[in-house]
Amino acid sequence: MWLHGIVKTPPFSASARLEAGYLLRLLQRGEMLSMPHSRPMPLIGPQCYELRITDNDKIWRMVYRIDFDAVIIAEVFKKKTTATPKPVINVCKARFRMYDDASK
């Protein structure tokens, strides 16, 4: 699930869009992904991960959380450094809180 109207679809190439769709479908089916496709992001919260999508000369990240009934995508951003930027972490935490509040 995308947080409707908040998380924008990035300008992926056709091949990156297919890769992202394939990996998200695996997650929806209950499969757990590991490196090089995904890594845990416990700093953001429990069951939070970073999906890695390589797109020509860009590296994209999708921060997601696996709930019992959904895969929630909190943010998509172009990776420019080795560390996840603090503003991205803060936005993700806030969006997951917003999702949880709306789901009650």
C-alpha atoms as a PDB file:
ATOM      1  CA  MET A   1       0.000   0.000   0.000  1.00  0.00           C
ATOM      2  CA  TRP A   2       1.215   3.469  -0.860  1.00  0.00           C
ATOM      3  CA  LEU A   3       0.248   6.192   1.567  1.00  0.00           C
ATOM      4  CA  HIS A   4      -2.341   7.664  -0.791  1.00  0.00           C
ATOM      5  CA  GLY A   5      -1.353  11.060  -2.122  1.00  0.00           C
ATOM      6  CA  ILE A   6       1.774  11.322   0.015  1.00  0.00           C
ATOM      7  CA  VAL A   7       4.354   8.989  -1.509  1.00  0.00           C
ATOM      8  CA  LYS A   8       4.897   9.792  -5.180  1.00  0.00           C
ATOM      9  CA  THR A   9       5.828   7.210  -7.784  1.00  0.00           C
ATOM     10  CA  PRO A  10       9.428   7.912  -8.800  1.00  0.00           C
ATOM     11  CA  PRO A  11      10.485   8.342 -12.431  1.00  0.00           C
ATOM     12  CA  PHE A  12      11.699   4.758 -12.805  1.00  0.00           C
ATOM     13  CA  SER A  13      12.817   3.433 -16.172  1.00  0.00           C
ATOM     14  CA  ALA A  14      10.675   0.609 -17.573  1.00  0.00           C
ATOM     15  CA  SER A  15      13.111  -2.047 -16.339  1.00  0.00           C
ATOM     16  CA  ALA A  16      13.337  -0.553 -12.838  1.00  0.00           C
ATOM     17  CA  ARG A  17       9.525  -0.337 -12.662  1.00  0.00           C
ATOM     18  CA  LEU A  18       9.318  -4.036 -13.547  1.00  0.00           C
ATOM     19  CA  GLU A  19      11.940  -4.930 -10.941  1.00  0.00           C
ATOM     20  CA  ALA A  20      10.178  -2.904  -8.238  1.00  0.00           C
ATOM     21  CA  GLY A  21       6.825  -4.455  -9.144  1.00  0.00           C
ATOM     22  CA  TYR A  22       8.278  -7.961  -9.090  1.00  0.00           C
ATOM     23  CA  LEU A  23       9.943  -7.480  -5.691  1.00  0.00           C
ATOM     24  CA  LEU A  24       6.825  -5.881  -4.188  1.00  0.00           C
ATOM     25  CA  ARG A  25       4.719  -8.786  -5.472  1.00  0.00           C
ATOM     26  CA  LEU A  26       7.066 -11.233  -3.719  1.00  0.00           C
ATOM     27  CA  LEU A  27       6.623  -9.265  -0.491  1.00  0.00           C
ATOM     28  CA  GLN A  28       2.834  -9.276  -0.904  1.00  0.00           C
ATOM     29  CA  ARG A  29       2.952 -13.059  -1.252  1.00  0.00           C
ATOM     30  CA  GLY A  30       4.730 -13.281   2.093  1.00  0.00           C
ATOM     31  CA  GLU A  31       8.259 -13.915   0.891  1.00  0.00           C
ATOM     32  CA  MET A  32      11.055 -12.298   2.857  1.00  0.00           C
ATOM     33  CA  LEU A  33      13.734 -10.597   0.800  1.00  0.00           C
ATOM     34  CA  SER A  34      17.353 -10.210   1.825  1.00  0.00           C
ATOM     35  CA  MET A  35      20.489  -8.623   0.407  1.00  0.00           C
ATOM     36  CA  PRO A  36      21.076  -7.483  -2.236  1.00  0.00           C
ATOM     37  CA  HIS A  37      17.371  -6.609  -2.680  1.00  0.00           C
ATOM     38  CA  SER A  38      16.396  -5.594   0.828  1.00  0.00           C
ATOM     39  CA  ARG A  39      17.880  -4.859   4.219  1.00  0.00           C
ATOM     40  CA  PRO A  40      16.312  -4.279   7.649  1.00  0.00           C
ATOM     41  CA  MET A  41      15.867  -0.718   8.899  1.00  0.00           C
ATOM     42  CA  PRO A  42      15.339  -1.175  12.675  1.00  0.00           C
ATOM     43  CA  LEU A  43      16.186   2.487  13.236  1.00  0.00           C
ATOM     44  CA  ILE A  44      12.860   3.349  11.586  1.00  0.00           C
ATOM     45  CA  GLY A  45      10.872   0.678  13.386  1.00  0.00           C
ATOM     46  CA  PRO A  46      10.046  -3.008  13.681  1.00  0.00           C
ATOM     47  CA  GLN A  47       9.399  -4.849  10.420  1.00  0.00           C
ATOM     48  CA  CYS A  48      10.824  -1.883   8.449  1.00  0.00           C
ATOM     49  CA  TYR A  49      13.086  -2.465   5.473  1.00  0.00           C
ATOM     50  CA  GLU A  50      14.779  -0.711   2.585  1.00  0.00           C
ATOM     51  CA  LEU A  51      14.125  -2.113  -0.890  1.00  0.00           C
ATOM     52  CA  ARG A  52      16.974  -1.483  -3.317  1.00  0.00           C
ATOM     53  CA  ILE A  53      16.254  -0.730  -6.968  1.00  0.00           C
ATOM     54  CA  THR A  54      19.091  -0.048  -9.412  1.00  0.00           C
ATOM     55  CA  ASP A  55      18.001   2.067 -12.360  1.00  0.00           C
ATOM     56  CA  ASN A  56      20.661   2.801 -14.970  1.00  0.00           C
ATOM     57  CA  ASP A  57      22.856   5.416 -13.267  1.00  0.00           C
ATOM     58  CA  LYS A  58      20.583   5.872 -10.231  1.00  0.00           C
ATOM     59  CA  ILE A  59      20.050   3.871  -7.079  1.00  0.00           C
ATOM     60  CA  TRP A  60      16.537   4.100  -5.618  1.00  0.00           C
ATOM     61  CA  ARG A  61      15.366   3.072  -2.168  1.00  0.00           C
ATOM     62  CA  MET A  62      11.849   2.275  -1.040  1.00  0.00           C
ATOM     63  CA  VAL A  63      11.305   2.226   2.705  1.00  0.00           C
ATOM     64  CA  TYR A  64       8.545  -0.228   3.574  1.00  0.00           C
ATOM     65  CA  ARG A  65       7.021  -2.028   6.507  1.00  0.00           C
ATOM     66  CA  ILE A  66       5.483  -5.470   6.543  1.00  0.00           C
ATOM     67  CA  ASP A  67       2.250  -5.698   8.526  1.00  0.00           C
ATOM     68  CA  PHE A  68       0.164  -8.843   8.857  1.00  0.00           C
ATOM     69  CA  ASP A  69      -2.228  -7.614   6.142  1.00  0.00           C
ATOM     70  CA  ALA A  70      -0.219  -5.147   4.046  1.00  0.00           C
ATOM     71  CA  VAL A  71       3.117  -3.919   2.762  1.00  0.00           C
ATOM     72  CA  ILE A  72       3.207  -0.181   3.474  1.00  0.00           C
ATOM     73  CA  ILE A  73       5.559   2.054   1.492  1.00  0.00           C
ATOM     74  CA  ALA A  74       6.528   5.171   3.422  1.00  0.00           C
ATOM     75  CA  GLU A  75       9.076   6.781   1.098  1.00  0.00           C
ATOM     76  CA  VAL A  76      10.923   6.419  -2.192  1.00  0.00           C
ATOM     77  CA  PHE A  77      14.134   8.325  -2.648  1.00  0.00           C
ATOM     78  CA  LYS A  78      17.272   8.427  -4.764  1.00  0.00           C
ATOM     79  CA  LYS A  79      20.232   7.159  -2.786  1.00  0.00           C
ATOM     80  CA  LYS A  80      23.181   9.557  -2.947  1.00  0.00           C
ATOM     81  CA  THR A  81      25.229   8.600   0.117  1.00  0.00           C
ATOM     82  CA  THR A  82      26.008   5.392   1.988  1.00  0.00           C
ATOM     83  CA  ALA A  83      23.854   6.370   4.966  1.00  0.00           C
ATOM     84  CA  THR A  84      20.110   6.934   4.862  1.00  0.00           C
ATOM     85  CA  PRO A  85      19.575  10.677   5.378  1.00  0.00           C
ATOM     86  CA  LYS A  86      18.120  11.648   8.771  1.00  0.00           C
ATOM     87  CA  PRO A  87      15.234  13.613   7.161  1.00  0.00           C
ATOM     88  CA  VAL A  88      14.191  10.448   5.277  1.00  0.00           C
ATOM     89  CA  ILE A  89      14.233   8.444   8.516  1.00  0.00           C
ATOM     90  CA  ASN A  90      12.118  11.081  10.261  1.00  0.00           C
ATOM     91  CA  VAL A  91       9.606  11.260   7.389  1.00  0.00           C
ATOM     92  CA  CYS A  92       9.250   7.470   7.396  1.00  0.00           C
ATOM     93  CA  LYS A  93       8.647   7.316  11.132  1.00  0.00           C
ATOM     94  CA  ALA A  94       6.010  10.055  10.857  1.00  0.00           C
ATOM     95  CA  ARG A  95       4.263   8.388   7.921  1.00  0.00           C
ATOM     96  CA  PHE A  96       4.125   5.008   9.640  1.00  0.00           C
ATOM     97  CA  ARG A  97       2.635   6.716  12.721  1.00  0.00           C
ATOM     98  CA  MET A  98       0.100   8.433  10.481  1.00  0.00           C
ATOM     99  CA  TYR A  99      -0.776   5.107   8.847  1.00  0.00           C
ATOM    100  CA  ASP A 100      -1.152   3.411  12.218  1.00  0.00           C
ATOM    101  CA  ASP A 101      -3.371   6.221  13.524  1.00  0.00           C
ATOM    102  CA  ALA A 102      -5.583   6.077  10.417  1.00  0.00           C
ATOM    103  CA  SER A 103      -5.817   2.268  10.637  1.00  0.00           C
ATOM    104  CA  LYS A 104      -7.244   2.230  14.153  1.00  0.00           C
END
